[in-house]
Amino acid sequence: MSTQPSHPLNFSEIVPRLKGDDLWEYDCGSKGHCESVADEVFQALQRPSDFPPMGAAIVSGDRVAIAVDPNTPQVAEVLRGALNAVRATEASDIDVVVGDEATEETLAEIKQVAGDVVRVIRHQPSDRESLRYLGADAAAHPIYLNRALVDADFVLPIVVGRPKDESGLLDGTGIFPFYSDACSRARFFQSDEPAEEAPSDPSEPAWLLGVQIMMSVTPNNEGTVG
């Protein structure tokens, strides 16, 4: 049998009920189809898994930054829903930071959804003026991230749902190393340093940044939102 729950599935509650000859297939959405992407995103941010409604973490005057993975399916509609959710809070300013691999077409779609009030920033890992020092990693290497993310009071990463990186090195929030400086990226992907000098935890920058929740969007077999 298979299950596509309409709410978060707690496997710790289900496993004890399974019989020895039961075979379950959990479909995370790759076979589904989302009819109203923006509405689904808005609702998801009102009831995140293991977190209160997003608005409870944003107070009056807060600057919010949305870090958008440009590979997210139907990224413009996903962003529309996220922006509607942020605009329903008391946030004062909103920045949208887009990964540097975004095509011009994708960037244009994002800017159209953002409108004139929301600032859209394409991340530039080699532009020191657009970066801000976040802290040092476990090996004392400096970590620089996009300035808009570091300056924000609340950061919401939006990423495309992928199988977990086999090496376990990638940060699940998509923040590091994708919004870091060029040196940190090179050190992360091409480092020939001894293992004890390599970054010990790729999630560390997200913790230092204070990322509280994230949105992961699962593509279906047609490449749209599942």
C-alpha atoms as a PDB file:
ATOM      1  CA  MET A   1       0.000   0.000   0.000  1.00  0.00           C
ATOM      2  CA  SER A   2       1.091   3.604  -0.352  1.00  0.00           C
ATOM      3  CA  THR A   3       0.264   6.733   1.551  1.00  0.00           C
ATOM      4  CA  GLN A   4       0.215  10.397   0.639  1.00  0.00           C
ATOM      5  CA  PRO A   5      -0.690  12.116   3.917  1.00  0.00           C
ATOM      6  CA  SER A   6      -2.306  15.539   3.948  1.00  0.00           C
ATOM      7  CA  HIS A   7      -0.447  16.270   7.181  1.00  0.00           C
ATOM      8  CA  PRO A   8       3.056  15.445   8.484  1.00  0.00           C
ATOM      9  CA  LEU A   9       3.484  11.690   8.890  1.00  0.00           C
ATOM     10  CA  ASN A  10       4.970  10.489  12.166  1.00  0.00           C
ATOM     11  CA  PHE A  11       6.653   7.161  11.400  1.00  0.00           C
ATOM     12  CA  SER A  12       7.307   6.475  15.080  1.00  0.00           C
ATOM     13  CA  GLU A  13       3.540   6.133  15.545  1.00  0.00           C
ATOM     14  CA  ILE A  14       2.967   4.004  12.433  1.00  0.00           C
ATOM     15  CA  VAL A  15       5.825   1.490  12.611  1.00  0.00           C
ATOM     16  CA  PRO A  16       4.493  -0.335  15.715  1.00  0.00           C
ATOM     17  CA  ARG A  17       1.188  -0.933  13.901  1.00  0.00           C
ATOM     18  CA  LEU A  18       2.756  -2.563  10.853  1.00  0.00           C
ATOM     19  CA  LYS A  19       2.464  -6.322  10.430  1.00  0.00           C
ATOM     20  CA  GLY A  20       5.467  -8.400   9.526  1.00  0.00           C
ATOM     21  CA  ASP A  21       4.206  -9.015   5.969  1.00  0.00           C
ATOM     22  CA  ASP A  22       3.067  -5.411   5.299  1.00  0.00           C
ATOM     23  CA  LEU A  23       4.847  -3.525   2.542  1.00  0.00           C
ATOM     24  CA  TRP A  24       4.519   0.254   2.607  1.00  0.00           C
ATOM     25  CA  GLU A  25       5.627   2.755   0.026  1.00  0.00           C
ATOM     26  CA  TYR A  26       5.824   6.355   1.204  1.00  0.00           C
ATOM     27  CA  ASP A  27       5.360   8.766  -1.674  1.00  0.00           C
ATOM     28  CA  CYS A  28       6.794  12.168  -0.773  1.00  0.00           C
ATOM     29  CA  GLY A  29       4.955  13.897  -3.614  1.00  0.00           C
ATOM     30  CA  SER A  30       6.784  12.843  -6.746  1.00  0.00           C
ATOM     31  CA  LYS A  31       3.579  11.232  -8.079  1.00  0.00           C
ATOM     32  CA  GLY A  32       1.284  14.033  -6.991  1.00  0.00           C
ATOM     33  CA  HIS A  33       0.269  17.317  -8.572  1.00  0.00           C
ATOM     34  CA  CYS A  34      -0.323  20.592  -6.774  1.00  0.00           C
ATOM     35  CA  GLU A  35      -3.316  22.437  -8.206  1.00  0.00           C
ATOM     36  CA  SER A  36      -2.763  25.778  -6.473  1.00  0.00           C
ATOM     37  CA  VAL A  37       0.916  26.214  -5.687  1.00  0.00           C
ATOM     38  CA  ALA A  38       0.788  29.677  -4.124  1.00  0.00           C
ATOM     39  CA  ASP A  39      -2.117  28.736  -1.854  1.00  0.00           C
ATOM     40  CA  GLU A  40      -0.450  25.498  -0.759  1.00  0.00           C
ATOM     41  CA  VAL A  41       2.764  27.366   0.083  1.00  0.00           C
ATOM     42  CA  PHE A  42       0.830  29.967   2.066  1.00  0.00           C
ATOM     43  CA  GLN A  43      -0.991  27.276   4.044  1.00  0.00           C
ATOM     44  CA  ALA A  44       2.198  25.297   4.644  1.00  0.00           C
ATOM     45  CA  LEU A  45       3.806  28.331   6.263  1.00  0.00           C
ATOM     46  CA  GLN A  46       0.791  28.693   8.551  1.00  0.00           C
ATOM     47  CA  ARG A  47       1.323  25.147   9.868  1.00  0.00           C
ATOM     48  CA  PRO A  48       4.983  24.148   9.579  1.00  0.00           C
ATOM     49  CA  SER A  49       6.085  20.796  10.917  1.00  0.00           C
ATOM     50  CA  ASP A  50       7.326  21.083  14.517  1.00  0.00           C
ATOM     51  CA  PHE A  51       7.095  24.890  14.510  1.00  0.00           C
ATOM     52  CA  PRO A  52       4.376  27.475  15.173  1.00  0.00           C
ATOM     53  CA  PRO A  53       2.910  29.524  12.313  1.00  0.00           C
ATOM     54  CA  MET A  54       5.674  31.495  10.615  1.00  0.00           C
ATOM     55  CA  GLY A  55       4.089  34.776  11.640  1.00  0.00           C
ATOM     56  CA  ALA A  56       4.706  33.923  15.288  1.00  0.00           C
ATOM     57  CA  ALA A  57       8.450  34.247  14.658  1.00  0.00           C
ATOM     58  CA  ILE A  58       8.212  37.668  12.991  1.00  0.00           C
ATOM     59  CA  VAL A  59       7.600  40.834  14.985  1.00  0.00           C
ATOM     60  CA  SER A  60       6.812  44.355  13.895  1.00  0.00           C
ATOM     61  CA  GLY A  61       9.679  45.997  12.039  1.00  0.00           C
ATOM     62  CA  ASP A  62      11.540  42.784  11.218  1.00  0.00           C
ATOM     63  CA  ARG A  63      13.476  42.498   7.983  1.00  0.00           C
ATOM     64  CA  VAL A  64      12.747  39.179   6.261  1.00  0.00           C
ATOM     65  CA  ALA A  65      14.982  37.541   3.678  1.00  0.00           C
ATOM     66  CA  ILE A  66      13.778  34.685   1.464  1.00  0.00           C
ATOM     67  CA  ALA A  67      16.632  32.601   0.034  1.00  0.00           C
ATOM     68  CA  VAL A  68      15.335  31.021  -3.168  1.00  0.00           C
ATOM     69  CA  ASP A  69      16.833  27.989  -4.876  1.00  0.00           C
ATOM     70  CA  PRO A  70      16.240  28.862  -8.560  1.00  0.00           C
ATOM     71  CA  ASN A  71      15.927  25.146  -9.365  1.00  0.00           C
ATOM     72  CA  THR A  72      12.698  24.943  -7.357  1.00  0.00           C
ATOM     73  CA  PRO A  73       9.815  23.781  -9.607  1.00  0.00           C
ATOM     74  CA  GLN A  74       7.339  26.553 -10.470  1.00  0.00           C
ATOM     75  CA  VAL A  75       9.601  28.838  -8.475  1.00  0.00           C
ATOM     76  CA  ALA A  76       7.616  32.005  -9.247  1.00  0.00           C
ATOM     77  CA  GLU A  77       4.371  30.571  -7.853  1.00  0.00           C
ATOM     78  CA  VAL A  78       6.166  29.121  -4.843  1.00  0.00           C
ATOM     79  CA  LEU A  79       7.659  32.537  -4.146  1.00  0.00           C
ATOM     80  CA  ARG A  80       4.257  34.193  -4.619  1.00  0.00           C
ATOM     81  CA  GLY A  81       2.830  32.043  -1.826  1.00  0.00           C
ATOM     82  CA  ALA A  82       5.807  32.742   0.448  1.00  0.00           C
ATOM     83  CA  LEU A  83       5.567  36.482  -0.147  1.00  0.00           C
ATOM     84  CA  ASN A  84       1.841  36.428   0.617  1.00  0.00           C
ATOM     85  CA  ALA A  85       2.626  34.680   3.899  1.00  0.00           C
ATOM     86  CA  VAL A  86       5.313  37.216   4.831  1.00  0.00           C
ATOM     87  CA  ARG A  87       3.096  40.155   3.854  1.00  0.00           C
ATOM     88  CA  ALA A  88       0.452  38.805   6.234  1.00  0.00           C
ATOM     89  CA  THR A  89       2.906  39.422   9.106  1.00  0.00           C
ATOM     90  CA  GLU A  90       4.192  42.700  10.541  1.00  0.00           C
ATOM     91  CA  ALA A  91       7.511  42.523   8.686  1.00  0.00           C
ATOM     92  CA  SER A  92       8.746  45.903   7.497  1.00  0.00           C
ATOM     93  CA  ASP A  93      11.074  44.937   4.636  1.00  0.00           C
ATOM     94  CA  ILE A  94      11.432  41.871   2.435  1.00  0.00           C
ATOM     95  CA  ASP A  95      14.478  40.812   0.434  1.00  0.00           C
ATOM     96  CA  VAL A  96      14.541  37.908  -2.014  1.00  0.00           C
ATOM     97  CA  VAL A  97      18.000  36.425  -2.508  1.00  0.00           C
ATOM     98  CA  VAL A  98      18.333  34.155  -5.534  1.00  0.00           C
ATOM     99  CA  GLY A  99      21.101  31.636  -6.110  1.00  0.00           C
ATOM    100  CA  ASP A 100      23.686  32.789  -8.653  1.00  0.00           C
ATOM    101  CA  GLU A 101      22.947  29.886 -11.030  1.00  0.00           C
ATOM    102  CA  ALA A 102      19.533  31.375 -11.836  1.00  0.00           C
ATOM    103  CA  THR A 103      18.915  31.981 -15.522  1.00  0.00           C
ATOM    104  CA  GLU A 104      17.880  35.419 -16.748  1.00  0.00           C
ATOM    105  CA  GLU A 105      14.429  34.011 -17.513  1.00  0.00           C
ATOM    106  CA  THR A 106      14.020  32.677 -13.976  1.00  0.00           C
ATOM    107  CA  LEU A 107      15.281  35.930 -12.494  1.00  0.00           C
ATOM    108  CA  ALA A 108      12.784  37.906 -14.591  1.00  0.00           C
ATOM    109  CA  GLU A 109       9.897  35.692 -13.389  1.00  0.00           C
ATOM    110  CA  ILE A 110      10.964  36.182  -9.783  1.00  0.00           C
ATOM    111  CA  LYS A 111      11.229  39.958 -10.187  1.00  0.00           C
ATOM    112  CA  GLN A 112       7.773  40.084 -11.741  1.00  0.00           C
ATOM    113  CA  VAL A 113       6.257  38.258  -8.765  1.00  0.00           C
ATOM    114  CA  ALA A 114       8.231  40.339  -6.264  1.00  0.00           C
ATOM    115  CA  GLY A 115       7.034  43.654  -7.677  1.00  0.00           C
ATOM    116  CA  ASP A 116       8.564  47.045  -7.036  1.00  0.00           C
ATOM    117  CA  VAL A 117       8.540  46.966  -3.232  1.00  0.00           C
ATOM    118  CA  VAL A 118      10.495  43.747  -2.652  1.00  0.00           C
ATOM    119  CA  ARG A 119      14.212  43.875  -3.390  1.00  0.00           C
ATOM    120  CA  VAL A 120      15.476  40.950  -5.520  1.00  0.00           C
ATOM    121  CA  ILE A 121      19.185  40.154  -5.214  1.00  0.00           C
ATOM    122  CA  ARG A 122      21.156  37.676  -7.268  1.00  0.00           C
ATOM    123  CA  HIS A 123      23.883  36.220  -5.064  1.00  0.00           C
ATOM    124  CA  GLN A 124      27.399  37.078  -6.237  1.00  0.00           C
ATOM    125  CA  PRO A 125      29.971  34.951  -4.387  1.00  0.00           C
ATOM    126  CA  SER A 126      32.948  36.962  -5.660  1.00  0.00           C
ATOM    127  CA  ASP A 127      31.557  40.416  -4.862  1.00  0.00           C
ATOM    128  CA  ARG A 128      32.930  41.298  -1.417  1.00  0.00           C
ATOM    129  CA  GLU A 129      30.629  44.316  -1.129  1.00  0.00           C
ATOM    130  CA  SER A 130      27.589  42.024  -1.235  1.00  0.00           C
ATOM    131  CA  LEU A 131      28.935  39.718   1.505  1.00  0.00           C
ATOM    132  CA  ARG A 132      29.078  39.984   5.277  1.00  0.00           C
ATOM    133  CA  TYR A 133      31.166  38.063   7.805  1.00  0.00           C
ATOM    134  CA  LEU A 134      29.075  35.495   9.663  1.00  0.00           C
ATOM    135  CA  GLY A 135      31.660  33.726  11.788  1.00  0.00           C
ATOM    136  CA  ALA A 136      34.358  31.065  11.712  1.00  0.00           C
ATOM    137  CA  ASP A 137      33.832  27.374  11.077  1.00  0.00           C
ATOM    138  CA  ALA A 138      35.235  24.578  13.230  1.00  0.00           C
ATOM    139  CA  ALA A 139      38.581  24.849  11.414  1.00  0.00           C
ATOM    140  CA  ALA A 140      38.716  28.636  12.045  1.00  0.00           C
ATOM    141  CA  HIS A 141      38.047  29.451   8.388  1.00  0.00           C
ATOM    142  CA  PRO A 142      36.036  32.669   7.957  1.00  0.00           C
ATOM    143  CA  ILE A 143      32.506  32.272   6.607  1.00  0.00           C
ATOM    144  CA  TYR A 144      30.994  35.064   4.554  1.00  0.00           C
ATOM    145  CA  LEU A 145      27.362  34.921   3.452  1.00  0.00           C
ATOM    146  CA  ASN A 146      25.169  37.150   1.348  1.00  0.00           C
ATOM    147  CA  ARG A 147      24.783  40.445   3.195  1.00  0.00           C
ATOM    148  CA  ALA A 148      20.987  40.479   2.929  1.00  0.00           C
ATOM    149  CA  LEU A 149      20.751  37.106   4.698  1.00  0.00           C
ATOM    150  CA  VAL A 150      23.089  38.081   7.542  1.00  0.00           C
ATOM    151  CA  ASP A 151      21.339  41.432   8.060  1.00  0.00           C
ATOM    152  CA  ALA A 152      17.856  39.900   8.130  1.00  0.00           C
ATOM    153  CA  ASP A 153      15.941  39.275  11.352  1.00  0.00           C
ATOM    154  CA  PHE A 154      14.232  36.219   9.850  1.00  0.00           C
ATOM    155  CA  VAL A 155      15.481  34.009   7.008  1.00  0.00           C
ATOM    156  CA  LEU A 156      13.270  31.594   5.070  1.00  0.00           C
ATOM    157  CA  PRO A 157      15.139  29.223   2.734  1.00  0.00           C
ATOM    158  CA  ILE A 158      13.146  27.722  -0.147  1.00  0.00           C
ATOM    159  CA  VAL A 159      14.815  24.675  -1.692  1.00  0.00           C
ATOM    160  CA  VAL A 160      13.943  21.904  -4.092  1.00  0.00           C
ATOM    161  CA  GLY A 161      13.470  18.584  -2.310  1.00  0.00           C
ATOM    162  CA  ARG A 162      16.226  16.160  -3.200  1.00  0.00           C
ATOM    163  CA  PRO A 163      17.389  12.796  -1.831  1.00  0.00           C
ATOM    164  CA  LYS A 164      19.887  13.325   0.955  1.00  0.00           C
ATOM    165  CA  ASP A 165      23.426  13.893  -0.217  1.00  0.00           C
ATOM    166  CA  GLU A 166      25.185  10.511   0.111  1.00  0.00           C
ATOM    167  CA  SER A 167      28.270  12.068   1.700  1.00  0.00           C
ATOM    168  CA  GLY A 168      26.147  13.910   4.255  1.00  0.00           C
ATOM    169  CA  LEU A 169      28.135  17.083   3.555  1.00  0.00           C
ATOM    170  CA  LEU A 170      25.462  19.348   2.124  1.00  0.00           C
ATOM    171  CA  ASP A 171      23.413  21.645   4.331  1.00  0.00           C
ATOM    172  CA  GLY A 172      19.744  20.719   4.064  1.00  0.00           C
ATOM    173  CA  THR A 173      18.597  24.348   4.225  1.00  0.00           C
ATOM    174  CA  GLY A 174      20.506  25.231   1.065  1.00  0.00           C
ATOM    175  CA  ILE A 175      22.237  28.165   2.786  1.00  0.00           C
ATOM    176  CA  PHE A 176      25.778  26.797   2.759  1.00  0.00           C
ATOM    177  CA  PRO A 177      27.754  26.799   0.584  1.00  0.00           C
ATOM    178  CA  PHE A 178      25.336  28.178  -2.026  1.00  0.00           C
ATOM    179  CA  TYR A 179      25.043  31.665  -0.503  1.00  0.00           C
ATOM    180  CA  SER A 180      28.618  31.854   0.749  1.00  0.00           C
ATOM    181  CA  ASP A 181      31.697  33.559  -0.654  1.00  0.00           C
ATOM    182  CA  ALA A 182      33.762  32.071  -3.474  1.00  0.00           C
ATOM    183  CA  CYS A 183      36.605  31.022  -1.155  1.00  0.00           C
ATOM    184  CA  SER A 184      34.281  29.088   1.134  1.00  0.00           C
ATOM    185  CA  ARG A 185      32.732  27.372  -1.862  1.00  0.00           C
ATOM    186  CA  ALA A 186      36.112  26.363  -3.264  1.00  0.00           C
ATOM    187  CA  ARG A 187      37.220  25.107   0.132  1.00  0.00           C
ATOM    188  CA  PHE A 188      34.013  23.110   0.518  1.00  0.00           C
ATOM    189  CA  PHE A 189      33.905  21.492  -2.913  1.00  0.00           C
ATOM    190  CA  GLN A 190      37.568  21.224  -3.836  1.00  0.00           C
ATOM    191  CA  SER A 191      39.431  21.129  -0.553  1.00  0.00           C
ATOM    192  CA  ASP A 192      42.479  18.873  -0.413  1.00  0.00           C
ATOM    193  CA  GLU A 193      43.101  19.723   3.230  1.00  0.00           C
ATOM    194  CA  PRO A 194      43.309  17.002   5.877  1.00  0.00           C
ATOM    195  CA  ALA A 195      39.896  15.805   7.062  1.00  0.00           C
ATOM    196  CA  GLU A 196      40.439  17.326  10.507  1.00  0.00           C
ATOM    197  CA  GLU A 197      40.762  20.784   8.915  1.00  0.00           C
ATOM    198  CA  ALA A 198      37.708  20.504   6.676  1.00  0.00           C
ATOM    199  CA  PRO A 199      34.393  22.026   7.815  1.00  0.00           C
ATOM    200  CA  SER A 200      32.984  19.588  10.364  1.00  0.00           C
ATOM    201  CA  ASP A 201      29.325  20.501   9.992  1.00  0.00           C
ATOM    202  CA  PRO A 202      27.914  22.134   6.834  1.00  0.00           C
ATOM    203  CA  SER A 203      24.780  23.061   8.800  1.00  0.00           C
ATOM    204  CA  GLU A 204      26.821  25.291  11.100  1.00  0.00           C
ATOM    205  CA  PRO A 205      26.360  28.487   9.004  1.00  0.00           C
ATOM    206  CA  ALA A 206      22.576  27.989   9.030  1.00  0.00           C
ATOM    207  CA  TRP A 207      22.667  27.650  12.826  1.00  0.00           C
ATOM    208  CA  LEU A 208      24.834  30.771  13.134  1.00  0.00           C
ATOM    209  CA  LEU A 209      22.437  32.591  10.832  1.00  0.00           C
ATOM    210  CA  GLY A 210      19.505  31.545  12.992  1.00  0.00           C
ATOM    211  CA  VAL A 211      17.439  29.700  10.380  1.00  0.00           C
ATOM    212  CA  GLN A 212      14.333  28.481  12.204  1.00  0.00           C
ATOM    213  CA  ILE A 213      12.251  26.916   9.439  1.00  0.00           C
ATOM    214  CA  MET A 214      12.672  26.120   5.766  1.00  0.00           C
ATOM    215  CA  MET A 215      10.444  25.142   2.871  1.00  0.00           C
ATOM    216  CA  SER A 216      11.278  22.116   0.746  1.00  0.00           C
ATOM    217  CA  VAL A 217       9.362  21.701  -2.515  1.00  0.00           C
ATOM    218  CA  THR A 218       9.189  18.230  -4.056  1.00  0.00           C
ATOM    219  CA  PRO A 219       8.986  18.066  -7.854  1.00  0.00           C
ATOM    220  CA  ASN A 220       6.759  15.466  -9.460  1.00  0.00           C
ATOM    221  CA  ASN A 221       7.594  13.345 -12.480  1.00  0.00           C
ATOM    222  CA  GLU A 222       6.526  16.170 -14.831  1.00  0.00           C
ATOM    223  CA  GLY A 223       8.881  18.664 -13.171  1.00  0.00           C
ATOM    224  CA  THR A 224       6.119  20.708 -11.540  1.00  0.00           C
ATOM    225  CA  VAL A 225       5.261  20.898  -7.848  1.00  0.00           C
ATOM    226  CA  GLY A 226       4.210  17.590  -6.397  1.00  0.00           C
END
